[in-house]
Structures are given as C-alpha cells and as structure tokens.
PDB file of N, CA and C in Angstrom:
ATOM      1  N   MET A   1     -19.073   5.545  28.445  1.00  0.00           N
ATOM      2  CA  MET A   1     -20.226   6.135  27.802  1.00  0.00           C
ATOM      3  C   MET A   1     -20.211   5.753  26.313  1.00  0.00           C
ATOM      4  N   VAL A   2     -21.344   5.395  25.804  1.00  0.00           N
ATOM      5  CA  VAL A   2     -21.480   5.035  24.394  1.00  0.00           C
ATOM      6  C   VAL A   2     -22.241   6.141  23.695  1.00  0.00           C
ATOM      7  N   ARG A   3     -21.677   6.610  22.604  1.00  0.00           N
ATOM      8  CA  ARG A   3     -22.365   7.643  21.816  1.00  0.00           C
ATOM      9  C   ARG A   3     -23.010   6.989  20.605  1.00  0.00           C
ATOM     10  N   VAL A   4     -24.191   7.403  20.303  1.00  0.00           N
ATOM     11  CA  VAL A   4     -24.916   6.864  19.153  1.00  0.00           C
ATOM     12  C   VAL A   4     -25.055   7.973  18.133  1.00  0.00           C
ATOM     13  N   GLY A   5     -24.568   7.712  16.923  1.00  0.00           N
ATOM     14  CA  GLY A   5     -24.713   8.685  15.843  1.00  0.00           C
ATOM     15  C   GLY A   5     -26.111   8.614  15.267  1.00  0.00           C
ATOM     16  N   ARG A   6     -26.257   9.163  14.108  1.00  0.00           N
ATOM     17  CA  ARG A   6     -27.589   9.107  13.490  1.00  0.00           C
ATOM     18  C   ARG A   6     -27.983   7.656  13.278  1.00  0.00           C
ATOM     19  N   GLN A   7     -29.231   7.398  13.410  1.00  0.00           N
ATOM     20  CA  GLN A   7     -29.712   6.027  13.266  1.00  0.00           C
ATOM     21  C   GLN A   7     -30.371   5.876  11.904  1.00  0.00           C
ATOM     22  N   TRP A   8     -30.057   4.790  11.241  1.00  0.00           N
ATOM     23  CA  TRP A   8     -30.633   4.496   9.942  1.00  0.00           C
ATOM     24  C   TRP A   8     -30.738   2.996   9.797  1.00  0.00           C
ATOM     25  N   ARG A   9     -31.570   2.603   8.885  1.00  0.00           N
ATOM     26  CA  ARG A   9     -31.740   1.179   8.607  1.00  0.00           C
ATOM     27  C   ARG A   9     -31.326   0.916   7.176  1.00  0.00           C
ATOM     28  N   PRO A  10     -30.449  -0.063   6.991  1.00  0.00           N
ATOM     29  CA  PRO A  10     -30.012  -0.366   5.626  1.00  0.00           C
ATOM     30  C   PRO A  10     -31.132  -1.030   4.830  1.00  0.00           C
ATOM     31  N   ASP A  11     -31.092  -0.790   3.519  1.00  0.00           N
ATOM     32  CA  ASP A  11     -32.037  -1.456   2.609  1.00  0.00           C
ATOM     33  C   ASP A  11     -31.596  -2.887   2.331  1.00  0.00           C
ATOM     34  N   ARG A  12     -30.265  -3.078   2.360  1.00  0.00           N
ATOM     35  CA  ARG A  12     -29.719  -4.392   2.036  1.00  0.00           C
ATOM     36  C   ARG A  12     -28.383  -4.558   2.746  1.00  0.00           C
ATOM     37  N   ILE A  13     -28.084  -5.774   3.180  1.00  0.00           N
ATOM     38  CA  ILE A  13     -26.805  -6.117   3.798  1.00  0.00           C
ATOM     39  C   ILE A  13     -26.252  -7.306   3.031  1.00  0.00           C
ATOM     40  N   GLY A  14     -24.993  -7.200   2.615  1.00  0.00           N
ATOM     41  CA  GLY A  14     -24.367  -8.284   1.874  1.00  0.00           C
ATOM     42  C   GLY A  14     -23.059  -8.699   2.528  1.00  0.00           C
ATOM     43  N   LEU A  15     -22.500  -9.774   2.042  1.00  0.00           N
ATOM     44  CA  LEU A  15     -21.223 -10.280   2.521  1.00  0.00           C
ATOM     45  C   LEU A  15     -20.231 -10.206   1.367  1.00  0.00           C
ATOM     46  N   VAL A  16     -19.100  -9.544   1.593  1.00  0.00           N
ATOM     47  CA  VAL A  16     -18.066  -9.388   0.574  1.00  0.00           C
ATOM     48  C   VAL A  16     -16.710  -9.679   1.201  1.00  0.00           C
ATOM     49  N   GLU A  17     -15.670  -9.654   0.378  1.00  0.00           N
ATOM     50  CA  GLU A  17     -14.307  -9.741   0.894  1.00  0.00           C
ATOM     51  C   GLU A  17     -13.691  -8.357   0.765  1.00  0.00           C
ATOM     52  N   ALA A  18     -13.132  -7.846   1.843  1.00  0.00           N
ATOM     53  CA  ALA A  18     -12.495  -6.523   1.851  1.00  0.00           C
ATOM     54  C   ALA A  18     -11.164  -6.634   2.590  1.00  0.00           C
ATOM     55  N   GLY A  19     -10.089  -6.316   1.920  1.00  0.00           N
ATOM     56  CA  GLY A  19      -8.783  -6.409   2.546  1.00  0.00           C
ATOM     57  C   GLY A  19      -8.401  -7.829   2.925  1.00  0.00           C
ATOM     58  N   GLY A  20      -8.930  -8.789   2.186  1.00  0.00           N
ATOM     59  CA  GLY A  20      -8.621 -10.184   2.462  1.00  0.00           C
ATOM     60  C   GLY A  20      -9.415 -10.792   3.601  1.00  0.00           C
ATOM     61  N   GLU A  21     -10.383 -10.049   4.119  1.00  0.00           N
ATOM     62  CA  GLU A  21     -11.201 -10.537   5.232  1.00  0.00           C
ATOM     63  C   GLU A  21     -12.673 -10.493   4.843  1.00  0.00           C
ATOM     64  N   PRO A  22     -13.507 -11.327   5.443  1.00  0.00           N
ATOM     65  CA  PRO A  22     -14.945 -11.209   5.198  1.00  0.00           C
ATOM     66  C   PRO A  22     -15.434  -9.882   5.762  1.00  0.00           C
ATOM     67  N   ALA A  23     -16.431  -9.308   5.109  1.00  0.00           N
ATOM     68  CA  ALA A  23     -16.952  -8.020   5.563  1.00  0.00           C
ATOM     69  C   ALA A  23     -18.440  -7.927   5.259  1.00  0.00           C
ATOM     70  N   LEU A  24     -19.153  -7.222   6.103  1.00  0.00           N
ATOM     71  CA  LEU A  24     -20.553  -6.904   5.856  1.00  0.00           C
ATOM     72  C   LEU A  24     -20.581  -5.579   5.105  1.00  0.00           C
ATOM     73  N   VAL A  25     -21.390  -5.496   4.057  1.00  0.00           N
ATOM     74  CA  VAL A  25     -21.544  -4.241   3.321  1.00  0.00           C
ATOM     75  C   VAL A  25     -23.007  -3.819   3.440  1.00  0.00           C
ATOM     76  N   PHE A  26     -23.222  -2.585   3.884  1.00  0.00           N
ATOM     77  CA  PHE A  26     -24.559  -2.050   4.123  1.00  0.00           C
ATOM     78  C   PHE A  26     -24.917  -1.066   3.015  1.00  0.00           C
ATOM     79  N   HIS A  27     -26.097  -1.258   2.400  1.00  0.00           N
ATOM     80  CA  HIS A  27     -26.576  -0.405   1.320  1.00  0.00           C
ATOM     81  C   HIS A  27     -27.802   0.374   1.805  1.00  0.00           C
ATOM     82  N   ARG A  28     -27.868   1.618   1.377  1.00  0.00           N
ATOM     83  CA  ARG A  28     -29.045   2.448   1.667  1.00  0.00           C
ATOM     84  C   ARG A  28     -29.295   3.322   0.445  1.00  0.00           C
ATOM     85  N   GLU A  29     -30.517   3.283  -0.049  1.00  0.00           N
ATOM     86  CA  GLU A  29     -30.931   4.077  -1.208  1.00  0.00           C
ATOM     87  C   GLU A  29     -29.995   3.869  -2.401  1.00  0.00           C
ATOM     88  N   GLY A  30     -29.595   2.612  -2.632  1.00  0.00           N
ATOM     89  CA  GLY A  30     -28.776   2.271  -3.779  1.00  0.00           C
ATOM     90  C   GLY A  30     -27.291   2.571  -3.639  1.00  0.00           C
ATOM     91  N   ARG A  31     -26.851   3.022  -2.467  1.00  0.00           N
ATOM     92  CA  ARG A  31     -25.437   3.345  -2.255  1.00  0.00           C
ATOM     93  C   ARG A  31     -24.872   2.507  -1.124  1.00  0.00           C
ATOM     94  N   VAL A  32     -23.568   2.287  -1.177  1.00  0.00           N
ATOM     95  CA  VAL A  32     -22.884   1.637  -0.064  1.00  0.00           C
ATOM     96  C   VAL A  32     -22.718   2.677   1.034  1.00  0.00           C
ATOM     97  N   CYS A  33     -23.193   2.366   2.230  1.00  0.00           N
ATOM     98  CA  CYS A  33     -23.099   3.293   3.362  1.00  0.00           C
ATOM     99  C   CYS A  33     -21.947   2.953   4.290  1.00  0.00           C
ATOM    100  N   SER A  34     -21.679   1.683   4.452  1.00  0.00           N
ATOM    101  CA  SER A  34     -20.557   1.287   5.296  1.00  0.00           C
ATOM    102  C   SER A  34     -20.117  -0.124   4.949  1.00  0.00           C
ATOM    103  N   VAL A  35     -18.861  -0.384   5.277  1.00  0.00           N
ATOM    104  CA  VAL A  35     -18.290  -1.718   5.137  1.00  0.00           C
ATOM    105  C   VAL A  35     -17.701  -2.066   6.492  1.00  0.00           C
ATOM    106  N   ASP A  36     -18.070  -3.221   7.009  1.00  0.00           N
ATOM    107  CA  ASP A  36     -17.630  -3.655   8.330  1.00  0.00           C
ATOM    108  C   ASP A  36     -16.821  -4.944   8.212  1.00  0.00           C
ATOM    109  N   PRO A  37     -15.480  -4.818   8.137  1.00  0.00           N
ATOM    110  CA  PRO A  37     -14.655  -6.028   8.091  1.00  0.00           C
ATOM    111  C   PRO A  37     -14.811  -6.828   9.387  1.00  0.00           C
ATOM    112  N   LEU A  38     -14.793  -8.135   9.263  1.00  0.00           N
ATOM    113  CA  LEU A  38     -14.911  -9.015  10.426  1.00  0.00           C
ATOM    114  C   LEU A  38     -13.599  -9.770  10.584  1.00  0.00           C
ATOM    115  N   ARG A  39     -12.879  -9.505  11.643  1.00  0.00           N
ATOM    116  CA  ARG A  39     -11.663 -10.266  11.917  1.00  0.00           C
ATOM    117  C   ARG A  39     -12.048 -11.466  12.751  1.00  0.00           C
ATOM    118  N   ILE A  40     -11.740 -12.645  12.229  1.00  0.00           N
ATOM    119  CA  ILE A  40     -12.143 -13.889  12.879  1.00  0.00           C
ATOM    120  C   ILE A  40     -10.900 -14.642  13.332  1.00  0.00           C
ATOM    121  N   THR A  41     -10.870 -15.000  14.615  1.00  0.00           N
ATOM    122  CA  THR A  41      -9.769 -15.761  15.194  1.00  0.00           C
ATOM    123  C   THR A  41     -10.355 -16.960  15.920  1.00  0.00           C
ATOM    124  N   ASP A  42      -9.888 -18.141  15.574  1.00  0.00           N
ATOM    125  CA  ASP A  42     -10.378 -19.374  16.200  1.00  0.00           C
ATOM    126  C   ASP A  42     -11.901 -19.483  16.135  1.00  0.00           C
ATOM    127  N   GLY A  43     -12.472 -19.055  14.996  1.00  0.00           N
ATOM    128  CA  GLY A  43     -13.912 -19.177  14.793  1.00  0.00           C
ATOM    129  C   GLY A  43     -14.748 -18.124  15.497  1.00  0.00           C
ATOM    130  N   LEU A  44     -14.111 -17.135  16.127  1.00  0.00           N
ATOM    131  CA  LEU A  44     -14.836 -16.076  16.832  1.00  0.00           C
ATOM    132  C   LEU A  44     -14.524 -14.719  16.212  1.00  0.00           C
ATOM    133  N   ILE A  45     -15.506 -13.823  16.176  1.00  0.00           N
ATOM    134  CA  ILE A  45     -15.265 -12.457  15.704  1.00  0.00           C
ATOM    135  C   ILE A  45     -14.472 -11.740  16.789  1.00  0.00           C
ATOM    136  N   THR A  46     -13.261 -11.280  16.436  1.00  0.00           N
ATOM    137  CA  THR A  46     -12.401 -10.622  17.416  1.00  0.00           C
ATOM    138  C   THR A  46     -12.306  -9.122  17.186  1.00  0.00           C
ATOM    139  N   ALA A  47     -12.742  -8.639  16.034  1.00  0.00           N
ATOM    140  CA  ALA A  47     -12.767  -7.203  15.754  1.00  0.00           C
ATOM    141  C   ALA A  47     -13.850  -6.935  14.718  1.00  0.00           C
ATOM    142  N   HIS A  48     -14.467  -5.762  14.832  1.00  0.00           N
ATOM    143  CA  HIS A  48     -15.562  -5.388  13.953  1.00  0.00           C
ATOM    144  C   HIS A  48     -15.501  -3.882  13.699  1.00  0.00           C
ATOM    145  N   PRO A  49     -14.446  -3.416  12.981  1.00  0.00           N
ATOM    146  CA  PRO A  49     -14.354  -1.988  12.685  1.00  0.00           C
ATOM    147  C   PRO A  49     -15.353  -1.596  11.601  1.00  0.00           C
ATOM    148  N   ARG A  50     -15.685  -0.313  11.509  1.00  0.00           N
ATOM    149  CA  ARG A  50     -16.636   0.163  10.500  1.00  0.00           C
ATOM    150  C   ARG A  50     -15.964   1.230   9.655  1.00  0.00           C
ATOM    151  N   VAL A  51     -16.115   1.123   8.333  1.00  0.00           N
ATOM    152  CA  VAL A  51     -15.590   2.120   7.403  1.00  0.00           C
ATOM    153  C   VAL A  51     -16.775   2.857   6.814  1.00  0.00           C
ATOM    154  N   ILE A  52     -16.833   4.187   7.047  1.00  0.00           N
ATOM    155  CA  ILE A  52     -17.938   4.974   6.502  1.00  0.00           C
ATOM    156  C   ILE A  52     -17.450   6.147   5.654  1.00  0.00           C
ATOM    157  N   ASN A  53     -16.139   6.274   5.464  1.00  0.00           N
ATOM    158  CA  ASN A  53     -15.571   7.337   4.653  1.00  0.00           C
ATOM    159  C   ASN A  53     -15.961   7.118   3.189  1.00  0.00           C
ATOM    160  N   PRO A  54     -16.731   8.038   2.591  1.00  0.00           N
ATOM    161  CA  PRO A  54     -17.180   7.855   1.195  1.00  0.00           C
ATOM    162  C   PRO A  54     -16.027   7.656   0.215  1.00  0.00           C
ATOM    163  N   ASP A  55     -14.868   8.291   0.459  1.00  0.00           N
ATOM    164  CA  ASP A  55     -13.732   8.121  -0.442  1.00  0.00           C
ATOM    165  C   ASP A  55     -13.219   6.690  -0.440  1.00  0.00           C
ATOM    166  N   LYS A  56     -13.293   6.021   0.693  1.00  0.00           N
ATOM    167  CA  LYS A  56     -12.824   4.644   0.794  1.00  0.00           C
ATOM    168  C   LYS A  56     -13.860   3.642   0.313  1.00  0.00           C
ATOM    169  N   LEU A  57     -15.120   4.065   0.197  1.00  0.00           N
ATOM    170  CA  LEU A  57     -16.197   3.155  -0.204  1.00  0.00           C
ATOM    171  C   LEU A  57     -16.507   3.215  -1.684  1.00  0.00           C
ATOM    172  N   SER A  58     -15.920   4.152  -2.412  1.00  0.00           N
ATOM    173  CA  SER A  58     -16.285   4.357  -3.810  1.00  0.00           C
ATOM    174  C   SER A  58     -16.010   3.158  -4.710  1.00  0.00           C
ATOM    175  N   HIS A  59     -15.065   2.299  -4.343  1.00  0.00           N
ATOM    176  CA  HIS A  59     -14.726   1.142  -5.187  1.00  0.00           C
ATOM    177  C   HIS A  59     -15.474  -0.126  -4.807  1.00  0.00           C
ATOM    178  N   VAL A  60     -16.291  -0.081  -3.771  1.00  0.00           N
ATOM    179  CA  VAL A  60     -17.011  -1.284  -3.312  1.00  0.00           C
ATOM    180  C   VAL A  60     -18.280  -1.441  -4.104  1.00  0.00           C
TER     181      VAL A  60
END
C-alpha cells in the first residue's frame, strides 16, 4: 500500500550537491521544502530518499 501525504506543487526545482551527491531541491513560497539526494550507480538512479525535516534544510 502506498500512502500519499499532502500534495503540493513546487514553485521551483533546482539541482544542488548535498552530502557529496547530486540532489533535487524543491522550493515553495520562497522556502526550501525538500531535498532529494540522487544516488547514481552505473548511470542509473539507485536511491531517491527525501529530506523534509526543516532543521536539516535550514542551511540549504
């Protein structure tokens, strides 16, 4: 079963480096809402975790 949290649309999506890996950064209303590191192995995305904890996003 897949659970869907609140749905929102970002105002802007950017590409940054987070933890030494490429990551997608999602902005909404001028704030960073989430950072999604992309783990790439052999040219394929092998993991796509999402960070939404405001304490961890304050420096992005």
